[in-house]
Protein backbone atom coordinates (compact mmCIF):
# COMPACT_ATOMS: atom_id res chain seq x y z
CA MET A 1 45.92 107.60 97.13
CA LYS A 2 45.54 104.12 95.74
CA SER A 3 48.34 101.50 95.92
CA ILE A 4 48.97 99.48 92.75
CA HIS A 5 51.32 96.45 92.51
CA THR A 6 52.42 96.35 88.85
CA PRO A 7 54.78 93.67 87.41
CA LEU A 8 57.99 95.46 86.53
CA GLY A 9 58.47 93.32 83.46
CA LEU A 10 55.05 94.48 82.13
CA ILE A 11 55.60 98.21 82.56
CA ARG A 12 56.70 98.70 78.96
CA ALA A 13 53.82 96.53 77.77
CA ASN A 14 51.40 98.62 79.82
CA LYS A 15 52.80 101.76 78.22
CA LYS A 16 52.00 100.28 74.80
CA ILE A 17 48.51 99.40 75.96
CA VAL A 18 48.02 102.96 77.16
CA ALA A 19 49.13 104.33 73.82
CA GLY A 20 46.86 101.98 71.92
CA ALA A 21 43.91 102.60 74.17
CA THR A 22 44.28 106.34 73.87
CA ALA A 23 43.91 106.03 70.11
CA LEU A 24 40.56 104.33 70.57
CA THR A 25 38.19 107.21 71.27
CA LEU A 26 35.28 104.86 71.94
CA VAL A 27 37.10 103.17 74.82
CA GLY A 28 39.29 105.99 76.05
CA SER A 29 38.96 104.85 79.65
CA ILE A 30 40.40 101.34 79.06
CA ALA A 31 44.09 102.21 79.74
CA PRO A 32 43.74 103.40 83.34
CA ALA A 33 41.33 100.55 84.01
CA LEU A 34 43.95 98.03 82.86
CA ILE A 35 46.61 99.55 85.14
CA LEU A 36 44.32 99.90 88.12
CA ASN A 37 43.19 96.31 87.82
CA SER A 38 46.72 94.84 87.55
CA ASN A 39 47.27 93.19 90.94
CA ALA A 40 49.94 90.60 90.00
CA ALA A 41 53.07 90.47 92.20
CA ALA A 42 55.73 92.92 90.96
CA THR A 43 58.98 91.47 89.55
CA PRO A 44 61.76 92.14 92.11
CA VAL A 45 64.79 94.23 91.22
CA TYR A 46 68.30 93.49 92.50
CA THR A 47 71.30 95.69 93.05
CA THR A 48 74.73 95.17 94.59
CA VAL A 49 76.59 96.94 97.35
CA GLY A 50 79.11 99.57 96.18
CA PRO A 51 81.39 101.28 95.76
CA ASP A 52 82.87 99.04 93.06
CA PHE A 53 79.63 97.59 91.70
CA PHE A 54 76.18 98.85 90.72
CA THR A 55 73.34 97.45 88.61
CA VAL A 56 71.64 98.60 85.42
CA ILE A 57 67.88 98.05 85.52
CA GLY A 58 67.77 97.65 81.75
CA TYR A 59 64.39 99.30 81.06
CA ASP A 60 62.46 102.38 82.08
CA ILE A 61 60.58 102.13 85.35
CA THR A 62 58.91 105.53 84.86
CA ASP A 63 57.00 107.30 82.08
CA SER A 64 55.62 110.74 81.36
CA SER A 65 52.91 110.30 83.96
CA THR A 66 55.45 109.79 86.75
CA MET A 67 55.51 112.55 89.31
CA ARG A 68 58.48 111.16 91.26
CA ALA A 69 60.35 107.92 92.03
CA TYR A 70 62.44 107.15 95.09
CA ILE A 71 63.83 104.36 97.25
CA GLU A 72 61.81 103.75 100.36
CA ASP A 73 64.86 103.03 102.58
CA THR A 74 67.93 104.83 101.26
CA SER A 75 70.14 103.26 103.96
CA ILE A 76 69.89 100.03 101.91
CA ALA A 77 70.15 101.36 98.34
CA ASP A 78 69.59 104.40 96.14
CA PHE A 79 69.57 105.46 92.52
CA TYR A 80 73.00 105.77 90.88
CA ASP A 81 74.12 108.07 88.04
CA GLU A 82 77.94 107.97 87.98
CA ASP A 83 78.37 105.84 84.85
CA TRP A 84 77.64 106.44 81.19
CA ARG A 85 75.11 103.61 81.27
CA CYS A 86 73.18 105.51 83.93
CA SER A 87 72.58 108.69 81.95
CA THR A 88 68.82 108.08 81.95
CA GLU A 89 67.17 109.01 85.23
CA TYR A 90 66.26 106.04 87.43
CA SER A 91 68.15 103.59 85.18
CA CYS A 92 70.81 102.42 87.71
CA LEU A 93 70.91 101.42 91.36
CA GLN A 94 73.65 100.90 93.93
CA GLY A 95 73.38 99.19 97.29
CA LYS A 96 74.78 100.53 100.54
CA LYS A 97 74.27 97.35 102.55
CA THR A 98 72.54 94.02 102.11
CA GLY A 99 68.80 94.08 102.75
CA SER A 100 65.38 94.64 101.20
CA THR A 101 63.37 97.77 100.49
CA ARG A 102 61.08 99.06 97.70
CA ILE A 103 61.18 101.41 94.72
CA VAL A 104 58.25 103.81 95.06
CA ILE A 105 56.79 105.36 91.90
CA GLU A 106 54.10 108.06 92.23
CA ASN A 107 52.20 109.46 89.26
CA TYR A 108 50.05 112.54 88.72
CA GLN A 109 46.85 110.55 89.19
CA ASN A 110 47.76 109.95 92.85
CA GLU A 111 48.56 106.35 92.07
CA THR A 112 51.60 104.58 93.59
CA THR A 113 53.54 101.59 92.34
CA TYR A 114 55.81 99.56 94.66
CA ILE A 115 58.62 97.45 93.20
CA PRO A 116 60.52 95.08 95.55
CA LEU A 117 64.28 95.88 95.69
CA THR A 118 66.94 93.61 97.19
CA SER A 119 70.53 94.74 97.76
CA VAL A 120 73.17 91.99 97.75
CA LYS A 121 76.94 91.82 98.06
CA LEU A 122 78.83 90.48 95.06
CA ASP A 123 81.76 88.42 96.36
CA SER A 124 84.17 89.04 93.51
CA ASN A 125 87.07 91.41 92.97
CA THR A 126 86.79 94.09 90.33
CA TYR A 127 90.41 93.37 89.41
CA TYR A 128 92.45 90.16 89.59
CA VAL A 129 96.11 89.69 88.72
CA GLN A 130 97.30 86.26 87.66
CA ASP A 131 100.73 84.87 86.83
CA ASN A 132 100.86 84.21 83.12
CA ARG A 133 102.00 80.62 83.66
CA THR A 134 99.17 79.33 85.84
CA THR A 135 95.63 77.97 85.70
CA VAL A 136 93.04 79.47 88.06
CA SER A 137 89.40 78.49 88.58
CA ARG A 138 86.96 80.85 90.30
CA THR A 139 83.27 80.89 91.15
CA GLY A 140 81.37 84.09 91.84
CA SER A 141 78.84 84.26 94.67
CA ILE A 142 76.48 86.74 96.31
CA THR A 143 75.54 87.42 99.92
CA GLY A 144 72.00 88.46 100.73
CA ALA A 145 70.13 86.37 98.16
CA ASN A 146 70.19 82.96 96.53
CA ASN A 147 73.42 82.27 94.60
CA SER A 148 71.39 80.92 91.68
CA LEU A 149 70.53 84.54 90.81
CA LEU A 150 74.18 85.26 89.90
CA THR A 151 75.28 84.39 86.38
CA ILE A 152 78.03 85.37 83.95
CA ASP A 153 76.48 87.63 81.32
CA SER A 154 79.44 87.96 78.94
CA ILE A 155 83.24 87.58 78.66
CA ASP A 156 85.52 89.81 76.60
CA ASP A 157 89.06 88.82 75.57
CA ASP A 158 91.58 91.47 74.48
CA GLU A 159 93.43 88.66 72.63
CA ALA A 160 96.78 90.28 73.36
CA GLY A 161 98.25 87.01 74.60
CA ALA A 162 97.73 83.29 74.27
CA ALA A 163 95.71 82.82 77.47
CA SER A 164 92.32 81.13 77.34
CA ILE A 165 89.14 81.45 79.39
CA GLU A 166 86.40 78.86 79.71
CA GLN A 167 83.04 79.29 81.41
CA THR A 168 82.62 76.18 83.56
CA GLY A 169 79.26 76.98 85.18
CA ALA A 170 76.58 79.63 85.50
CA ALA A 171 78.91 81.76 87.65
CA SER A 172 82.22 79.87 87.25
CA TYR A 173 85.20 80.26 84.93
CA ARG A 174 88.71 78.92 84.39
CA ILE A 175 91.66 80.92 83.03
CA SER A 176 94.92 79.30 81.96
CA SER A 177 98.06 80.18 80.05
CA ASP A 178 101.57 78.94 79.49
CA ASP A 179 102.58 82.04 77.53
CA ILE A 180 105.28 83.77 79.56
CA GLU A 181 105.90 86.61 77.10
CA ASN A 182 102.72 88.67 76.78
CA GLU A 183 100.06 90.25 78.91
CA ASN A 184 96.44 89.16 78.38
CA THR A 185 93.25 90.65 79.86
CA PHE A 186 89.70 89.30 80.24
CA SER A 187 86.62 91.27 81.26
CA ILE A 188 83.71 89.43 82.89
CA THR A 189 80.23 90.96 83.15
CA TRP A 190 77.85 89.60 85.80
CA LYS A 191 74.07 89.53 86.08
CA ILE A 192 71.99 89.34 89.26
CA GLY A 193 68.51 88.26 88.31
CA ASP A 194 67.62 90.40 85.28
CA GLN A 195 70.01 93.23 86.19
CA GLU A 196 73.43 93.68 84.60
CA VAL A 197 76.22 94.45 87.08
CA GLY A 198 78.18 97.53 86.19
CA GLY A 199 81.84 97.49 87.19
CA GLY A 200 82.45 93.84 86.35
CA THR A 201 85.56 91.75 86.93
CA GLU A 202 88.80 92.23 85.03
CA VAL A 203 91.52 89.58 85.08
CA ALA A 204 95.02 90.57 83.93
CA LEU A 205 97.55 87.85 83.19
CA LYS A 206 101.14 89.07 83.50
CA PRO A 207 104.59 87.50 83.76
CA ILE A 208 105.09 87.84 87.52
CA GLU A 209 108.43 87.05 89.13
CA ALA A 210 110.10 87.28 92.52
CA HIS A 211 113.77 86.90 93.34
CA ASP A 212 115.31 86.49 96.79
CA LEU A 213 118.80 87.93 96.38
CA VAL A 214 119.54 87.52 100.10
CA SER A 215 118.78 83.92 101.11
CA HIS A 216 117.84 82.48 97.69
CA ASP A 217 114.88 80.79 99.36
CA GLU A 218 112.13 79.52 97.03
CA LYS A 219 109.49 79.84 99.76
CA ASN A 220 110.45 83.49 100.25
CA GLU A 221 110.09 84.06 96.51
CA GLU A 222 106.61 82.54 96.53
CA ILE A 223 105.58 84.83 99.42
CA LEU A 224 106.96 87.85 97.56
CA ARG A 225 105.15 86.82 94.37
CA LYS A 226 101.84 86.53 96.24
CA ALA A 227 102.44 89.90 97.89
CA THR A 228 103.11 91.48 94.49
CA VAL A 229 99.87 90.07 93.09
CA SER A 230 97.84 91.14 96.12
CA LEU A 231 99.25 94.67 96.23
CA ILE A 232 98.63 95.23 92.50
CA GLU A 233 95.08 93.91 92.92
CA ALA A 234 94.60 96.44 95.74
CA ASN A 235 95.87 99.27 93.54
CA GLU A 236 96.90 98.91 89.91
CA GLU A 237 99.03 102.03 90.27
CA VAL A 238 101.53 100.20 92.47
CA THR A 239 103.78 99.74 89.43
CA SER A 240 103.01 102.99 87.68
CA LEU A 241 105.58 105.56 86.74
CA SER A 242 104.41 108.24 89.16
CA TYR A 243 102.82 106.42 92.06
CA TYR A 244 103.76 107.94 95.43
CA GLY A 245 101.04 106.85 97.84
CA GLN A 246 100.79 104.00 100.34
CA ILE A 247 99.01 100.76 99.51
CA GLU A 248 97.66 98.28 102.06
CA ASP A 249 95.81 95.24 100.81
CA LYS A 250 93.19 93.26 102.70
CA ILE A 251 95.59 90.64 104.08
CA GLY A 252 98.35 92.83 105.52
CA ASN A 253 100.88 93.59 102.76
CA ILE A 254 101.95 97.23 102.80
CA ALA A 255 103.93 99.16 100.18
CA TYR A 256 104.61 102.81 99.44
CA GLY A 257 105.85 104.81 96.49
CA HIS A 258 109.51 105.67 96.45
CA ASN A 259 112.34 106.97 94.28
CA PHE A 260 115.06 104.40 93.67
CA ASP A 261 118.65 104.69 92.62
CA ASP A 262 120.32 103.03 89.65
CA THR A 263 121.64 100.13 91.72
CA ASP A 264 118.14 99.18 92.89
CA LEU A 265 116.76 99.33 89.38
CA TYR A 266 119.74 97.43 88.00
CA ASN A 267 119.02 94.58 90.43
CA PHE A 268 115.42 94.49 89.33
CA THR A 269 116.17 94.74 85.63
CA HIS A 270 118.71 91.94 85.68
CA ASN A 271 116.53 89.63 87.74
CA THR A 272 113.46 89.71 85.54
CA ARG A 273 112.93 87.92 82.27
CA THR A 274 114.59 90.02 79.56
CA GLY A 275 112.51 88.40 76.81
CA ALA A 276 109.11 89.48 78.13
CA PRO A 277 107.61 92.77 76.94
CA TYR A 278 105.87 93.04 80.31
CA ALA A 279 107.59 91.64 83.38
CA ILE A 280 106.26 92.47 86.83
CA GLY A 281 107.95 91.27 89.92
CA ALA A 282 109.62 91.86 93.23
CA THR A 283 113.23 91.59 94.34
CA LEU A 284 114.41 91.05 97.91
CA SER A 285 117.79 92.60 98.54
CA MET A 286 119.96 93.73 101.44
CA ASP A 287 122.79 96.10 102.13
CA GLU A 288 125.13 96.39 105.12
CA TYR A 289 125.71 99.55 107.09
CA ILE A 290 129.41 99.84 107.96
CA PRO A 291 130.19 102.57 110.52
CA ALA A 292 132.83 105.02 109.38
CA SER A 293 134.90 104.84 112.58
CA GLU A 294 135.39 102.77 115.71
CA ASN A 295 133.50 105.36 117.76
CA SER A 296 130.61 105.26 115.32
CA TYR A 297 130.64 101.46 115.47
CA ASN A 298 130.53 101.48 119.28
CA ASP A 299 127.76 104.08 119.33
CA THR A 300 125.67 102.06 116.86
CA LYS A 301 126.27 98.85 118.77
CA GLU A 302 125.20 100.49 122.04
CA LEU A 303 122.10 101.94 120.34
CA VAL A 304 121.04 98.52 119.08
CA PHE A 305 122.17 96.04 121.72
CA GLY A 306 122.14 98.27 124.80
CA ASP A 307 124.16 96.81 127.69
CA LYS A 308 124.92 93.55 125.88
CA GLU A 309 128.66 93.42 125.10
CA VAL A 310 128.29 91.63 121.78
CA LYS A 311 131.19 90.91 119.49
CA ASP A 312 131.39 91.10 115.70
CA ALA A 313 128.18 93.14 115.39
CA HIS A 314 126.80 93.67 111.87
CA PHE A 315 124.06 96.08 110.81
CA TYR A 316 121.85 95.51 107.76
CA ASN A 317 118.92 97.01 105.84
CA LEU A 318 116.39 94.70 104.14
CA TYR A 319 114.52 95.87 101.01
CA SER A 320 111.90 94.55 98.62
CA TYR A 321 110.95 96.48 95.50
CA ILE A 322 108.00 96.01 93.14
CA GLY A 323 108.35 97.15 89.57
CA ASN A 324 107.66 96.39 85.94
CA CYS A 325 109.50 96.66 82.63
CA VAL A 326 107.97 97.57 79.28
CA ASP A 327 109.26 97.68 75.72
CA LEU A 328 109.52 101.18 74.30
CA ILE A 329 110.96 101.98 70.89
CA SER A 330 112.61 105.17 72.08
CA GLY A 331 113.17 104.10 75.65
CA ALA A 332 116.36 106.08 76.18
CA ASP A 333 114.80 109.31 74.92
CA TYR A 334 111.75 108.65 77.07
CA VAL A 335 113.79 108.27 80.25
CA ASN A 336 116.04 111.24 79.48
CA SER A 337 113.01 113.48 79.01
CA LEU A 338 111.73 112.78 82.54
CA ASP A 339 112.21 115.11 85.47
CA LYS A 340 115.31 113.68 87.14
CA ARG A 341 114.05 114.66 90.58
CA ARG A 342 110.98 112.47 90.19
CA ALA A 343 112.08 109.85 87.68
CA ILE A 344 111.81 106.30 88.93
CA THR A 345 112.74 104.57 85.70
CA THR A 346 115.85 103.32 84.01
CA TYR A 347 116.56 102.34 80.42
CA ASP A 348 118.16 98.94 79.90
CA ASN A 349 120.38 99.14 76.81
CA GLU A 350 120.70 95.36 76.55
CA SER A 351 116.99 94.60 76.28
CA GLY A 352 115.78 98.00 75.09
CA ARG A 353 113.27 98.23 77.90
CA VAL A 354 112.20 100.94 80.29
CA CYS A 355 111.86 99.58 83.81
CA MET A 356 109.56 101.35 86.23
CA ASN A 357 110.06 100.60 89.90
CA ALA A 358 107.46 102.53 91.82
CA SER A 359 106.94 100.84 95.18
CA GLN A 360 108.83 99.44 98.13
CA ILE A 361 107.28 96.74 100.33
CA GLU A 362 107.27 97.75 103.97
CA ALA A 363 105.44 94.77 105.50
CA LEU A 364 104.39 91.31 104.34
CA ALA A 365 101.28 89.33 105.20
CA GLU A 366 103.37 86.17 105.62
CA PRO A 367 106.79 85.99 107.29
CA ILE A 368 109.88 85.30 105.23
CA THR A 369 112.99 83.58 106.57
CA ILE A 370 116.33 85.37 106.34
CA THR A 371 119.45 83.18 106.45
CA LEU A 372 122.91 84.77 106.61
CA ASP A 373 126.47 83.50 106.67
CA THR A 374 128.01 84.83 109.88
CA ASP A 375 131.67 84.31 108.89
CA ALA A 376 132.51 84.50 112.58
CA GLU A 377 135.73 83.21 114.10
CA PRO A 378 135.57 79.75 115.72
CA VAL A 379 134.51 79.41 119.34
CA GLU A 380 137.45 78.93 121.72
CA ASP A 381 137.67 75.73 123.73
CA GLY A 382 135.85 76.02 127.02
CA PHE A 383 133.46 78.69 125.71
CA GLU A 384 129.92 78.61 124.29
CA ARG A 385 128.43 81.16 121.87
CA THR A 386 125.02 82.86 121.96
CA TRP A 387 123.83 84.85 118.95
CA TYR A 388 121.46 87.81 119.19
CA THR A 389 119.25 89.41 116.49
CA TYR A 390 117.72 92.85 117.00
CA VAL A 391 115.19 94.87 114.96
CA PRO A 392 113.67 98.36 115.49
CA LYS A 393 110.95 98.61 118.09
CA TYR A 394 109.37 101.71 116.47
CA ASP A 395 108.39 103.39 119.71
CA GLU A 396 108.96 106.99 120.68
CA ASP A 397 112.48 106.23 121.88
CA HIS A 398 113.41 104.39 118.64
CA ASP A 399 114.68 101.43 120.63
CA PHE A 400 115.64 98.03 119.25
CA VAL A 401 114.17 94.75 120.45
CA GLU A 402 115.49 91.19 120.34
CA ILE A 403 113.71 88.64 118.15
CA PRO A 404 114.16 84.83 118.09
CA SER A 405 116.91 83.51 115.84
CA THR A 406 118.59 80.17 115.22
CA TYR A 407 122.32 79.55 114.79
CA ASN A 408 123.46 76.56 112.76
CA GLU A 409 126.90 75.49 113.97
CA GLU A 410 127.45 73.15 111.03
CA ASP A 411 127.31 75.77 108.28
CA GLY A 412 127.83 78.88 110.41
CA THR A 413 124.52 80.56 109.45
CA ILE A 414 121.98 82.46 111.50
CA SER A 415 118.25 82.48 110.58
CA PHE A 416 115.23 84.45 111.71
CA SER A 417 111.69 85.12 110.46
CA THR A 418 110.18 88.53 109.86
CA LYS A 419 107.15 90.21 108.28
CA ASN A 420 108.70 93.66 108.37
CA LEU A 421 111.34 94.54 105.79
CA GLU A 422 113.50 96.82 107.88
CA ALA A 423 116.85 97.32 109.56
CA PHE A 424 118.28 94.51 111.68
CA ALA A 425 121.52 93.67 113.46
CA ILE A 426 123.29 90.51 114.62
CA GLY A 427 126.05 89.91 117.15
CA TYR A 428 127.24 87.25 119.61
CA ILE A 429 128.55 86.80 123.13
CA ASP A 430 130.98 84.02 124.12
CA THR A 431 130.71 82.83 127.73
CA GLU A 432 132.95 80.41 129.59
CA LYS A 433 131.42 77.05 130.20
CA GLU A 434 130.79 76.07 133.83
CA GLU A 435 132.79 73.08 135.08
CA GLU A 436 130.61 70.11 135.82
CA PRO A 437 130.75 68.90 139.49
CA THR A 438 132.97 65.85 140.15
CA VAL A 439 131.02 62.76 141.16
CA GLU A 440 132.88 60.23 143.41
CA PRO A 441 132.77 56.70 141.99
CA VAL A 442 130.78 54.11 143.96
CA ASP A 443 132.63 50.87 144.86
CA GLU A 444 130.98 47.92 143.29
CA PRO A 445 130.67 44.72 145.46
CA LYS A 446 133.27 42.03 144.73
CA GLU A 447 132.10 39.07 142.75
CA ASP A 448 133.24 36.50 145.44
CA SER A 449 131.34 38.26 148.27
CA PRO A 450 128.32 36.25 149.37
CA LYS A 451 125.09 37.95 148.45
CA ALA A 452 122.13 38.07 150.79
CA PRO A 453 119.35 35.82 149.59
CA ASN A 454 116.43 37.56 148.00
CA THR A 455 113.50 36.55 150.22
CA GLY A 456 110.96 38.88 148.74
CA SER A 457 109.98 42.48 148.81
CA MET A 458 110.72 44.90 151.65
CA SER A 459 107.08 44.98 152.67
CA LYS A 460 107.10 41.20 153.12
CA VAL A 461 110.23 41.34 155.29
CA ALA A 462 108.69 44.01 157.50
CA THR A 463 105.49 42.03 157.94
CA THR A 464 107.40 38.89 158.94
CA ALA A 465 109.51 40.78 161.49
CA VAL A 466 106.45 42.25 163.17
CA ALA A 467 104.70 38.87 163.32
CA THR A 468 107.80 37.18 164.89
CA PHE A 469 108.81 39.74 167.50
CA LEU A 470 105.42 41.06 168.66
CA PRO A 471 104.64 38.14 171.07
CA LEU A 472 108.17 38.27 172.49
CA MET A 473 107.87 42.01 173.09
CA MET A 474 104.59 41.50 174.95
CA ILE A 475 106.13 38.88 177.26
CA VAL A 476 109.10 41.08 178.04
CA GLY A 477 106.78 44.03 178.71
CA LEU A 478 104.65 42.07 181.18
CA ALA A 479 107.75 40.89 183.04
CA PHE A 480 108.98 44.50 183.43
CA ILE A 481 105.55 45.58 184.72
CA ALA A 482 105.46 42.80 187.32
CA ARG A 483 108.99 43.56 188.45
CA ALA A 484 108.19 47.26 188.72
CA LYS A 485 105.18 46.57 190.90
CA LYS A 486 107.18 44.33 193.18
CA HIS A 487 109.93 46.95 193.45
CA SER A 488 107.40 49.67 194.32
CA SER A 489 105.79 47.53 197.03
CA SER A 490 109.18 46.87 198.64
CA LYS A 491 110.03 50.62 198.66
CA LEU A 492 106.64 51.50 200.15
CA ALA A 493 107.14 48.88 202.89
CA LYS A 494 110.58 50.33 203.67
CA LYS A 495 109.07 53.83 203.99
CA ILE A 496 106.34 52.70 206.26
CA ASN A 497 108.81 50.83 208.37
CA HIS A 498 111.08 53.86 208.47
CA PHE A 499 108.45 56.29 209.75
CA GLU A 500 107.18 53.82 212.21
């Protein structure tokens, strides 16, 4: 079997040469000679890692003489046929990981062609959501090959709104809009080398809002708005009429489908822009659980706080809903025709819109800050107050755990941060202040009392004393030694005289 390295870009030309050469009966052997003698380096083919992207080769890599074609290392890439543009055999490729391999083409003459194939990762979302009042600039890139290979092939505008898109570089674009009423969509097609990327990038501009109905904190609303965008980018169905699954985006926001009551939908409807045909957003709300009896209150308090004898305990549930509202001519009829057991919509008579609220946020990627008015009675004199905030622990015992919180004495509010939108409880304990020990006053010296002269530091005084008294001490010591010797001699003489 003979190995032939044929330029991919010349394959079609070679096919024409073969056809022409076949017609010439006098030189019928020219066509295979031309192919066999073509030793130029083959043009490389690129594909991109799936599952969202694939590439269209754009021309036939095989002909009637082809016996089979395959990818040498299918752990890197393989042929793809799950799109209408890939109906022709061997027309599309999809990568499985970044790396290099070869397309192998064998014909019936026992001849083999090798085409270099590189699989790259396209670092772009297939779907972006953008607030329809912002300007965003993006640049596409690839991993596994030189970025200069990536270019924007084409841009399509649905022209539904007043947004604009501008290509600012080979792989860069800018989208902007100040139209807060309509939705606008752009579709961007990429190319890697000579290959068109199937499954391009779609950018949807929508009026996106967020409303903190608990703390009215602008930072919280920005976090909720980002979470809404990210969750919809992870799954467009997050705001659909019948979505019931769980969604978790790449940065940690989690939401799940849910049926909501009229109160929830009313809050959403009346906190989104009534003038926009499409308004997507999130609302943060809260309700308080009030035990039906004193026994129920005590049981709930013991469940949450355990042995802590807190006073004025309150129990709350924190919610955040994602939804959207659309204009429908016969909105009321549309809602009334839905199965009431599964309907998650409401018809707003004032604006004539159907609002669909399909998902509830369970966890946020960034913490929000909840600030509540405690409305607690003043602290008695001689006492100090400590506030406690507890949230579910979510273990097998369904215990509650204390989280840090801050009490502001000036405005009587308590604040804490959380990523989980869940139940929580607050309460306080007043403890008697400890009396501070009495300190006896120190008598100050009278002003007319003579003060000792300051002759220097303590170390200098000590040095002077040693220098003055050391000779005197030596003299006294020698005198005692001499006296002791004399006394001992006298006693010894008395003893000797006594025994004699």
